[in-house]
N, C-alpha and C. Protein backbone atom coordinates (compact mmCIF):
# COMPACT_ATOMS: atom_id res chain seq x y z
N MET A 1 -21.08 -15.99 -7.00
CA MET A 1 -20.53 -15.33 -7.96
C MET A 1 -20.47 -13.77 -8.04
N ASP A 2 -19.36 -13.47 -8.82
CA ASP A 2 -18.84 -11.67 -8.74
C ASP A 2 -19.61 -11.04 -10.14
N GLU A 3 -20.89 -10.55 -9.67
CA GLU A 3 -21.75 -10.06 -10.87
C GLU A 3 -20.87 -8.80 -11.37
N SER A 4 -20.00 -8.21 -10.18
CA SER A 4 -18.94 -6.67 -11.18
C SER A 4 -18.53 -7.27 -12.15
N LYS A 5 -17.81 -8.70 -12.32
CA LYS A 5 -17.45 -8.87 -13.83
C LYS A 5 -18.29 -9.04 -14.94
N TYR A 6 -19.63 -9.04 -14.46
CA TYR A 6 -20.77 -8.83 -16.11
C TYR A 6 -20.80 -7.74 -16.20
N LEU A 7 -21.18 -7.61 -18.00
CA LEU A 7 -21.01 -6.59 -18.18
C LEU A 7 -23.09 -7.05 -18.50
N ALA A 8 -23.91 -5.68 -18.96
CA ALA A 8 -25.01 -5.77 -20.20
C ALA A 8 -25.03 -5.70 -20.97
N PRO A 9 -25.81 -5.86 -22.04
CA PRO A 9 -25.78 -6.14 -23.24
C PRO A 9 -24.94 -4.80 -24.22
N GLU A 10 -25.56 -3.91 -23.02
CA GLU A 10 -25.84 -2.47 -24.20
C GLU A 10 -24.25 -1.92 -23.10
N ASP A 11 -24.32 -2.52 -22.54
CA ASP A 11 -22.66 -1.78 -21.81
C ASP A 11 -21.27 -2.46 -23.07
N LEU A 12 -21.46 -4.27 -23.50
CA LEU A 12 -20.89 -5.04 -23.79
C LEU A 12 -20.44 -4.04 -25.21
N ARG A 13 -21.58 -3.91 -26.12
CA ARG A 13 -21.57 -3.12 -27.45
C ARG A 13 -21.21 -1.76 -27.22
N GLU A 14 -20.73 -1.37 -26.36
CA GLU A 14 -20.27 0.00 -26.02
C GLU A 14 -18.45 0.08 -25.97
N LEU A 15 -18.65 -1.75 -24.64
CA LEU A 15 -17.00 -1.88 -24.75
C LEU A 15 -16.55 -2.21 -26.27
N GLU A 16 -17.28 -3.02 -26.45
CA GLU A 16 -16.58 -3.40 -28.16
C GLU A 16 -16.41 -1.97 -28.83
N THR A 17 -16.94 -1.39 -29.05
CA THR A 17 -17.00 0.03 -29.80
C THR A 17 -15.77 0.63 -29.29
N TRP A 18 -15.70 1.07 -27.91
CA TRP A 18 -14.16 1.73 -27.34
C TRP A 18 -13.45 0.44 -27.50
N ALA A 19 -13.33 -0.72 -27.56
CA ALA A 19 -11.62 -1.38 -27.49
C ALA A 19 -11.28 -1.28 -29.26
N ILE A 20 -12.16 -1.28 -29.76
CA ILE A 20 -11.68 -1.16 -31.54
C ILE A 20 -11.17 0.26 -31.33
N ALA A 21 -12.17 1.50 -30.69
CA ALA A 21 -10.95 2.47 -30.99
C ALA A 21 -9.79 2.73 -30.35
N TRP A 22 -9.94 1.96 -29.21
CA TRP A 22 -8.73 1.92 -28.37
C TRP A 22 -7.79 1.28 -29.13
N TYR A 23 -7.68 0.29 -30.10
CA TYR A 23 -6.55 -0.25 -30.96
C TYR A 23 -5.92 0.50 -31.82
N GLU A 24 -7.17 0.84 -32.38
CA GLU A 24 -6.75 1.73 -33.69
C GLU A 24 -5.89 2.79 -33.37
N GLU A 25 -6.05 3.67 -32.04
CA GLU A 25 -5.62 4.34 -31.46
C GLU A 25 -3.92 4.29 -30.78
N ALA A 26 -3.69 3.05 -30.48
CA ALA A 26 -2.58 2.29 -30.14
C ALA A 26 -1.80 1.97 -31.29
N VAL A 27 -2.45 1.53 -32.47
CA VAL A 27 -1.76 1.20 -33.48
C VAL A 27 -1.23 2.63 -34.07
N LYS A 28 -1.91 3.56 -33.96
CA LYS A 28 -1.34 4.86 -34.30
C LYS A 28 -0.09 5.70 -33.91
N ALA A 29 -0.47 5.62 -32.55
CA ALA A 29 0.66 5.97 -31.60
C ALA A 29 1.62 5.37 -32.15
N GLU A 30 1.93 3.81 -32.59
CA GLU A 30 2.80 3.10 -32.79
C GLU A 30 3.11 2.22 -31.51
N PHE A 31 2.46 2.34 -30.70
CA PHE A 31 2.50 1.58 -29.77
C PHE A 31 2.43 -0.26 -30.01
N ILE A 32 1.80 -0.33 -30.45
CA ILE A 32 1.39 -1.91 -31.53
C ILE A 32 1.39 -1.95 -33.21
N GLY A 33 2.34 -3.33 -32.87
CA GLY A 33 1.85 -3.60 -34.62
C GLY A 33 -0.46 -3.98 -34.85
N THR A 34 -0.35 -3.96 -35.82
CA THR A 34 -1.71 -4.51 -36.32
C THR A 34 -2.13 -5.71 -36.06
N SER A 35 -0.93 -6.54 -35.74
CA SER A 35 -1.30 -8.04 -35.58
C SER A 35 -1.42 -8.59 -33.84
N TYR A 36 -1.40 -7.21 -33.68
CA TYR A 36 -1.33 -7.72 -31.77
C TYR A 36 -2.46 -8.30 -31.73
N HIS A 37 -2.46 -9.05 -30.27
CA HIS A 37 -3.32 -9.76 -29.36
C HIS A 37 -2.76 -9.70 -27.93
N PRO A 38 -3.59 -8.53 -27.21
CA PRO A 38 -3.63 -8.73 -25.83
C PRO A 38 -4.04 -9.61 -25.21
N ASP A 39 -2.74 -10.08 -24.09
CA ASP A 39 -2.62 -10.91 -23.44
C ASP A 39 -3.92 -10.92 -22.01
N THR A 40 -4.49 -12.02 -21.21
CA THR A 40 -5.17 -11.72 -20.22
C THR A 40 -4.95 -10.69 -19.45
N ALA A 41 -3.70 -10.26 -18.50
CA ALA A 41 -3.73 -8.97 -17.96
C ALA A 41 -3.89 -8.05 -18.46
N THR A 42 -3.56 -7.66 -19.80
CA THR A 42 -3.98 -6.32 -20.72
C THR A 42 -5.21 -6.08 -21.22
N VAL A 43 -6.29 -7.13 -20.90
CA VAL A 43 -7.42 -7.66 -21.55
C VAL A 43 -7.99 -6.93 -20.05
N GLY A 44 -7.27 -7.06 -18.78
CA GLY A 44 -8.38 -6.90 -17.31
C GLY A 44 -7.84 -5.49 -16.96
N ARG A 45 -6.79 -4.94 -17.63
CA ARG A 45 -6.45 -3.59 -17.36
C ARG A 45 -7.39 -2.70 -18.35
N LEU A 46 -7.69 -3.28 -20.00
CA LEU A 46 -8.25 -2.64 -20.33
C LEU A 46 -9.79 -2.03 -19.71
N ARG A 47 -10.08 -3.33 -19.56
CA ARG A 47 -11.61 -2.96 -18.85
C ARG A 47 -11.67 -2.16 -17.81
N GLY A 48 -10.90 -1.91 -16.68
CA GLY A 48 -10.74 -0.79 -15.86
C GLY A 48 -10.70 0.69 -16.63
N TYR A 49 -9.77 0.71 -17.74
CA TYR A 49 -9.77 1.80 -18.16
C TYR A 49 -11.19 2.17 -18.91
N PHE A 50 -11.94 1.57 -19.06
CA PHE A 50 -13.16 1.46 -19.67
C PHE A 50 -13.62 2.04 -18.48
N LYS A 51 -14.06 0.68 -17.63
CA LYS A 51 -14.95 1.60 -16.35
C LYS A 51 -14.62 2.87 -15.47
N VAL A 52 -13.47 3.12 -15.61
CA VAL A 52 -13.33 4.22 -15.01
C VAL A 52 -13.22 5.53 -15.72
N GLY A 53 -13.83 5.51 -17.35
CA GLY A 53 -13.85 6.45 -18.18
C GLY A 53 -12.99 7.10 -19.21
N LEU A 54 -11.81 6.43 -19.11
CA LEU A 54 -10.80 6.62 -19.94
C LEU A 54 -11.15 6.58 -21.38
N SER A 55 -10.56 8.01 -22.10
CA SER A 55 -10.88 8.02 -23.53
C SER A 55 -9.76 6.50 -24.00
N PRO A 56 -10.37 6.15 -25.46
CA PRO A 56 -9.49 5.09 -26.21
C PRO A 56 -8.30 5.74 -26.26
N ALA A 57 -7.81 7.13 -26.58
CA ALA A 57 -6.41 7.29 -26.69
C ALA A 57 -5.62 7.62 -25.58
N GLU A 58 -6.47 7.72 -24.27
CA GLU A 58 -6.14 7.83 -22.99
C GLU A 58 -5.51 6.61 -22.45
N ALA A 59 -6.46 5.33 -22.72
CA ALA A 59 -6.06 3.85 -22.24
C ALA A 59 -4.84 3.60 -23.17
N ALA A 60 -4.70 3.85 -24.63
CA ALA A 60 -3.96 3.42 -25.44
C ALA A 60 -2.40 3.97 -24.56
N HIS A 61 -2.26 5.13 -24.09
CA HIS A 61 -1.08 5.90 -23.59
C HIS A 61 -1.21 5.04 -22.48
N ALA A 62 -1.77 4.71 -21.30
CA ALA A 62 -1.70 4.44 -19.88
C ALA A 62 -1.24 2.88 -20.05
N CYS A 63 -1.97 2.28 -21.28
CA CYS A 63 -0.99 1.22 -21.35
C CYS A 63 -0.02 1.00 -21.58
N PHE A 64 0.64 1.40 -22.92
CA PHE A 64 1.57 1.08 -23.53
C PHE A 64 2.78 2.69 -23.64
N GLY A 65 1.99 3.71 -22.91
CA GLY A 65 3.15 4.99 -23.26
C GLY A 65 4.33 4.64 -22.01
N GLY A 66 4.30 4.09 -20.84
CA GLY A 66 5.45 4.20 -20.24
C GLY A 66 6.18 3.00 -21.03
N LYS A 67 6.20 2.00 -21.38
CA LYS A 67 7.36 1.11 -22.05
C LYS A 67 7.72 1.30 -23.46
N HIS A 68 7.43 2.56 -23.90
CA HIS A 68 8.00 3.20 -24.90
C HIS A 68 8.66 4.71 -24.56
């Protein structure tokens, strides 16, 4: 089992807070609409952005900026 894919409960709470902020930043930048639901690949990228320490705003631009 690859334990690097699992988060401690406190990290999971931090990720949840970060993901909400990321979503709000992406909506504010008009990269996505309020009904947006990320696919599996996007969720994986977001987890990577979180792990390397990007802010939610940086992650929104990394995720969508090149597409707009």
